[in-house]
Amino acid sequence: MMSIFGTRPAGETDPPEPPEPEPSGRQLSDEDLLDELLATVGSARAFQEFRRSQRKECFNLLRWLPLVLPLIEELREAAPDRPLTDDAYRRLALLGRAFQAARRLLRCCHDGSKIFLSLESEAVQGRFRAVYEKINLALDGMPYSEIGISDEVKEQLELINTQLKRSKKRADTQDMELAMDFMVILQDKEDRSADRAILERLAKKLELQCLADLRAETMAIKKLINERNGQQAESTKQIIELLHKFKDVAGVDEKNILGDVSIPKYLEKCPSLMIPNDFLCPISLEIMTDPVIIASGRTYERRRIQKWLDAGQRTCPKTQQPLTHLSLAPNFALKNLILQWCEKNKVEMQIGELAEEPPVEPEVTNEVLIPSLVKDLSSMNLDVQRNAVKKIRTLSKESPENRALITDSGGIAALVGLLQYPDKKIQDNAVTSMLNLSIDEANKVLIAKGKAIPLIIELLKNGSAEGQENSAAALFSLSMVDENKVAIGAMGGVPPLVHLLQEGTIRGKKDAATALFNLMLNHQNKFRAIEAGIVPALLKIISDKKLNMVDEALSIFLLLGSHTACRGEIGSEGFVETLVQISKEGTPKNKECALSVLLELGSSNNALMVHALGFGLQEQLTEIAKTGTSRAQRKANSLIQLARKCLS
């Protein structure tokens, strides 16, 4: 049966479309049209699991769709005896297009890339609104008097239509914390503990922590790349970069997601060979040279599974079964089969690849070393203390297992004692160790309970340059817990962060900016930041092009502008002129952030909007609406609408 509703790829991700023209002509019979409507709703309702970032909206949409079914069912029953009028047919065809759009959107949120759906959450939100608008458009002109439906169904549809009109007026809501996390990770190229903490938080939010989820995400991204067909290259590059970072955090060594699975060098001369699946490592999908059996009974390549375990994973990558022990037993039987197969098929492999190299056991395991080092943190010998805290700093960064050992051995209390030690190097290593420990969620609470926060703030004020940077990073990491946001603000952590933002090193300024952003998600800390002079500090950062921190500064301004009481502190004509200038000369991301702040300010103050227009904003809006990032285009279009209201 031919469809009159049209099709679009399931992963389509463009901004909301303008209303479609009403379909003309009857390409289907009345019965076929109504059957297709019922089938489309049925297939849309088949999706029941969705990505976390859009889960709430998907379930809301699924609750709306069945409410229209009584109309279709009554019409279907009466179809043989009561033909549809042309107007009713057009409205139902429009409703069918809305249902098709809903099905595409639900499918995208069901199996689309989690990274994409989070990065482009505003655009996806716009697609939900577009679906509601299409349903509203179809129902708004439905000729109820001509189609003969019951009063009960008519009343239900009119109520639905009224509620849909209200839902269209809802303002965009953006997860500011998530947006800032993405910004920091995509801009920062250094491998720092604070950034790893952000990555682990993002991985947890996006549910990209285990091998199975990362494999599924890889396939979803491949599909997205194919659908984009070379378009939106910058966005695609960011998505791939984030995927690589998440794989690194999970200890998964798979980088080549764009092409086919790479063929090992020893098989390049015989690519047509069918390799038995049992010979392939489930992690790398390459033939195993040193197969070992883990506690779940599954076999893996030794170096692949060792990397998985070294990253702190304690489950079987394939089955997700918890491992009762971490021993690796050589699978000699499988290794012999691989050797025989290679010999039979004339596959030449380097001897070193199959030679079993028994792991070299360290003289002292970390289980023994770490408690000893923690004890040395309280030694009366200064050199012993220095050596111990330096090693703790390194070990605390390496793995969750090491961090657990340090914590269980009383390391947090010992490190807190060193934060107030007069030796600057000991202070630096102690606060950096604390930063590393705070990567683990439970430690964020333990560190706060251990009375470390006021000492970290003191080090932020009076420590060395490195100590100040890592103190700011530690406060950022700790502030991921809401209770700690309140505590850091109440203990006076905001003013020294603002001072570091003004006077610190480039690295210090960046650490201060991310910490302040996180803290200012608490409203009381917004006022503290304003009192500490954050507005002139941010303006100075924007004017210093060498810092490359315009996006961070504007994100903080957006937080301030979202609060009624703080808006007046930044809503000046001079600041508006700065924003317009950025919209003219900045990077695409700079322009996007500048327009977001302008929209926030202009929506509550028409005079500021008129001043921006007088300073040349209109020309920039027209250009950005055509060529900007997808989010910048949406902001530009919203500002164009706002400008018309202000000037009318």
Foldseek 3Di string as FASTA:
>chain_A
DDAPLDADALQDQFFFDDDDDFDDDDPDFLLVLLVLLVVLLVLLLVQDDFFLLCNVLLVVVNVLSVLLNVVSVVLNVCPVPAPDDRLQVRLSSLLSNLSNLSSSLSSCRRQAALLVCQQPVVRSVSSSLSSLVSNLVSLVPRPCVRRDDDPVSVVSSVVSSVVSVVVNPDDDDHPLLSNVLLVCQLPDPDDALLNLLSLVVVCVSRVPQAQVNLVSNLVNLLVVCVSCVPPPVVVNVSSLVSSVVNCVLQLQPDRPSNDDQDADPLCPVPVPDDDPQLQAAPRNRYGAQWWWAFQVRHIHRVVSVVSNVQSVDQADRVPRHGGPDGDTHTPVVSNVVVVVVCVVVVRDDDPVRNDDDPDDDDPDDLLGVQLVLLVQCPDPDPVSNLVSLQVLLVQLQRYPVSLVSCVVSVNLLSLLVQLPPPDQSSNLSSLSSLSSSLSDPVSLVVNVVSVSLLSLLVCLQDGDLSSVLSSLSSLLSSLVDVVSLVVNVVSPNQLSLLVCCQDHDLSSVVSSLSNLLSSVVDVVSLVVNVVSPNVVSLVVVCVPVVSVCLLSSLSSLLSQLQDPVSVVVQLDLVNLLVLLVCLVDPDLSNVLSSLSNVCSNCVVPVVSLVSSVVSPNLVSLVVCLPDGDSSSVVSSVSSVVSPVVSVD
